[in-house]
Amino acid sequence: MLRVTDGRGLTICQQLVTIHDHMPELEVRLPERESHGAGGGAATVSVTQLMHPPQKRAVQAFQNAVRLSSAGKYEDALNELEKAIRISPDFGAAHTNLAAQYFRVGRFEEPIAESSRAIQIGGPDPRNLCNLATAQARLHRFAEAEKSARIGAAAGFRLSQGEPDPRLDSGE
């Protein structure tokens, strides 16, 4: 049995899954966290994320990328994020940030693959769906962009007027 609870102990999700023969129950308590803008503050964790947490070296590369990006060194941030993903391929936050960094250097095909991979790892997160819709629209794939934006809106993302900025994941 997999049970996911929020910071107050309320059950968010409970599902019968086989995790390990010697571990009949697994409970995940998600800490409450502040809202990070339009995407809201809801924390989601997939089974993939639970089973494949990022290695320490991948987290270090991710943190280096955040610092480099803040300093405007986007190409260097790209390299660090690619390194993080080589070390831990299922590091969803690294895929999210890699998509956003590609936007910053004017590349629009790659964010589709990175946002799609982040969605595959962590589920339909509004931030990744926004990145996906933005990349699709930039490449004039308007029908796909509309579909991604609608799914993102249903998942909690609200588009503001104008083109949304690529969304970063803080890694928290």
Protein backbone atom coordinates (compact mmCIF):
# COMPACT_ATOMS: atom_id res chain seq x y z
CA MET A 1 0.00 0.00 0.00
CA LEU A 2 1.36 3.41 -0.99
CA ARG A 3 -0.08 6.33 0.97
CA VAL A 4 0.83 9.95 0.29
CA THR A 5 -0.03 12.50 2.97
CA ASP A 6 0.37 16.25 3.16
CA GLY A 7 2.21 18.20 5.84
CA ARG A 8 -0.86 18.07 8.09
CA GLY A 9 -1.14 14.29 7.82
CA LEU A 10 -4.18 14.27 5.52
CA THR A 11 -4.17 11.44 2.97
CA ILE A 12 -3.79 12.81 -0.56
CA CYS A 13 -3.58 9.48 -2.35
CA GLN A 14 -3.71 5.85 -1.33
CA GLN A 15 -3.12 3.07 -3.79
CA LEU A 16 -2.34 -0.62 -3.71
CA VAL A 17 1.04 -1.09 -5.37
CA THR A 18 3.75 -3.71 -5.08
CA ILE A 19 6.91 -1.97 -3.98
CA HIS A 20 8.89 -4.69 -2.27
CA ASP A 21 7.88 -8.03 -0.75
CA HIS A 22 9.30 -7.11 2.66
CA MET A 23 7.77 -3.63 2.71
CA PRO A 24 3.98 -4.02 2.61
CA GLU A 25 3.34 -0.32 3.28
CA LEU A 26 5.05 2.88 2.28
CA GLU A 27 3.93 6.28 3.48
CA VAL A 28 5.25 9.47 1.97
CA ARG A 29 4.69 12.67 3.92
CA LEU A 30 5.00 15.76 1.78
CA PRO A 31 6.06 18.86 3.68
CA GLU A 32 3.99 21.96 3.17
CA ARG A 33 5.82 24.48 1.09
CA GLU A 34 5.16 27.98 -0.12
CA SER A 35 3.55 28.59 -3.46
CA HIS A 36 6.07 29.19 -6.25
CA GLY A 37 3.94 31.51 -8.36
CA ALA A 38 1.35 30.61 -10.94
CA GLY A 39 1.97 26.89 -10.70
CA GLY A 40 0.90 26.76 -7.07
CA GLY A 41 2.66 25.04 -4.23
CA ALA A 42 1.26 21.54 -4.56
CA ALA A 43 4.05 19.00 -4.21
CA THR A 44 3.82 15.82 -6.25
CA VAL A 45 6.07 12.80 -6.12
CA SER A 46 5.96 9.94 -8.58
CA VAL A 47 6.90 6.35 -7.90
CA THR A 48 9.82 6.85 -10.32
CA GLN A 49 11.09 9.74 -8.18
CA LEU A 50 10.77 7.66 -5.03
CA MET A 51 12.55 4.66 -6.51
CA HIS A 52 15.29 6.65 -8.28
CA PRO A 53 16.31 9.67 -6.19
CA PRO A 54 19.12 11.72 -7.73
CA GLN A 55 22.65 10.90 -6.70
CA LYS A 56 24.55 13.44 -4.61
CA ARG A 57 26.81 14.39 -7.55
CA ALA A 58 23.72 15.05 -9.69
CA VAL A 59 22.23 17.31 -7.01
CA GLN A 60 25.54 19.19 -6.80
CA ALA A 61 25.56 19.70 -10.59
CA PHE A 62 21.92 20.85 -10.41
CA GLN A 63 22.76 23.39 -7.68
CA ASN A 64 25.75 24.61 -9.70
CA ALA A 65 23.43 25.10 -12.67
CA VAL A 66 21.01 27.16 -10.59
CA ARG A 67 23.87 29.42 -9.49
CA LEU A 68 25.24 29.73 -13.01
CA SER A 69 21.82 30.53 -14.44
CA SER A 70 21.29 33.23 -11.79
CA ALA A 71 24.60 34.75 -12.92
CA GLY A 72 23.44 34.75 -16.56
CA LYS A 73 25.82 31.95 -17.59
CA TYR A 74 23.19 29.91 -19.42
CA GLU A 75 25.50 27.76 -21.55
CA ASP A 76 27.46 26.75 -18.45
CA ALA A 77 24.16 26.01 -16.67
CA LEU A 78 23.16 23.81 -19.63
CA ASN A 79 26.37 21.82 -19.28
CA GLU A 80 25.82 21.30 -15.53
CA LEU A 81 22.22 20.18 -16.06
CA GLU A 82 23.26 17.76 -18.80
CA LYS A 83 25.86 16.41 -16.36
CA ALA A 84 23.21 15.99 -13.65
CA ILE A 85 21.01 14.04 -16.06
CA ARG A 86 23.89 11.82 -17.19
CA ILE A 87 24.48 10.93 -13.53
CA SER A 88 20.79 10.55 -12.61
CA PRO A 89 18.60 10.14 -15.74
CA ASP A 90 15.35 10.23 -13.71
CA PHE A 91 16.13 13.59 -12.05
CA GLY A 92 12.92 15.37 -13.02
CA ALA A 93 13.88 18.84 -11.72
CA ALA A 94 17.03 18.73 -13.86
CA HIS A 95 14.94 17.98 -16.97
CA THR A 96 12.60 20.87 -16.05
CA ASN A 97 15.46 23.32 -15.67
CA LEU A 98 17.24 22.06 -18.77
CA ALA A 99 14.10 22.86 -20.80
CA ALA A 100 14.06 26.38 -19.34
CA GLN A 101 17.77 26.89 -20.05
CA TYR A 102 17.28 25.87 -23.67
CA PHE A 103 14.67 28.64 -23.95
CA ARG A 104 17.16 31.12 -22.58
CA VAL A 105 19.70 30.34 -25.31
CA GLY A 106 17.07 30.45 -28.06
CA ARG A 107 16.69 26.72 -28.66
CA PHE A 108 13.07 25.54 -28.88
CA GLU A 109 13.13 21.92 -30.09
CA GLU A 110 15.01 20.55 -27.07
CA PRO A 111 12.57 21.85 -24.43
CA ILE A 112 9.89 19.60 -25.91
CA ALA A 113 11.94 16.47 -25.21
CA GLU A 114 13.08 17.68 -21.77
CA SER A 115 9.61 18.81 -20.64
CA SER A 116 8.11 15.56 -21.93
CA ARG A 117 10.69 13.56 -20.00
CA ALA A 118 10.03 15.58 -16.83
CA ILE A 119 6.29 14.88 -17.25
CA GLN A 120 7.02 11.19 -17.78
CA ILE A 121 9.05 11.12 -14.55
CA GLY A 122 6.88 13.29 -12.31
CA GLY A 123 3.44 13.36 -13.85
CA PRO A 124 1.51 16.28 -15.33
CA ASP A 125 3.16 19.12 -13.41
CA PRO A 126 1.77 22.52 -14.51
CA ARG A 127 5.28 24.01 -14.79
CA ASN A 128 6.43 21.33 -17.25
CA LEU A 129 3.20 21.53 -19.22
CA CYS A 130 3.68 25.30 -19.50
CA ASN A 131 7.23 24.79 -20.77
CA LEU A 132 5.98 22.18 -23.23
CA ALA A 133 3.15 24.41 -24.51
CA THR A 134 5.52 27.37 -24.86
CA ALA A 135 8.06 25.34 -26.88
CA GLN A 136 5.33 23.91 -29.10
CA ALA A 137 3.91 27.39 -29.76
CA ARG A 138 7.38 28.78 -30.55
CA LEU A 139 7.72 26.06 -33.19
CA HIS A 140 4.25 26.90 -34.59
CA ARG A 141 2.78 23.62 -33.36
CA PHE A 142 -0.33 25.41 -32.20
CA ALA A 143 -2.69 22.43 -31.90
CA GLU A 144 -0.17 20.61 -29.68
CA ALA A 145 0.47 23.79 -27.69
CA GLU A 146 -3.23 24.29 -27.07
CA LYS A 147 -3.60 20.69 -25.86
CA SER A 148 -0.60 21.01 -23.51
CA ALA A 149 -1.86 24.36 -22.18
CA ARG A 150 -5.34 22.91 -21.53
CA ILE A 151 -3.85 19.94 -19.64
CA GLY A 152 -1.65 22.38 -17.71
CA ALA A 153 -4.65 24.53 -16.83
CA ALA A 154 -6.51 21.45 -15.60
CA ALA A 155 -3.44 20.57 -13.51
CA GLY A 156 -3.49 23.99 -11.89
CA PHE A 157 -1.46 26.35 -14.07
CA ARG A 158 -3.11 29.62 -15.03
CA LEU A 159 -1.67 31.42 -18.03
CA SER A 160 -1.31 35.17 -17.66
CA GLN A 161 -1.58 37.60 -20.54
CA GLY A 162 1.33 37.46 -22.91
CA GLU A 163 3.76 34.65 -23.41
CA PRO A 164 4.72 32.85 -20.18
CA ASP A 165 8.35 32.77 -19.12
CA PRO A 166 9.92 29.33 -19.01
CA ARG A 167 9.37 27.93 -15.56
CA LEU A 168 12.27 26.75 -13.43
CA ASP A 169 12.18 24.12 -10.73
CA SER A 170 13.86 25.10 -7.48
CA GLY A 171 14.71 21.45 -6.81
CA GLU A 172 12.99 21.57 -3.43
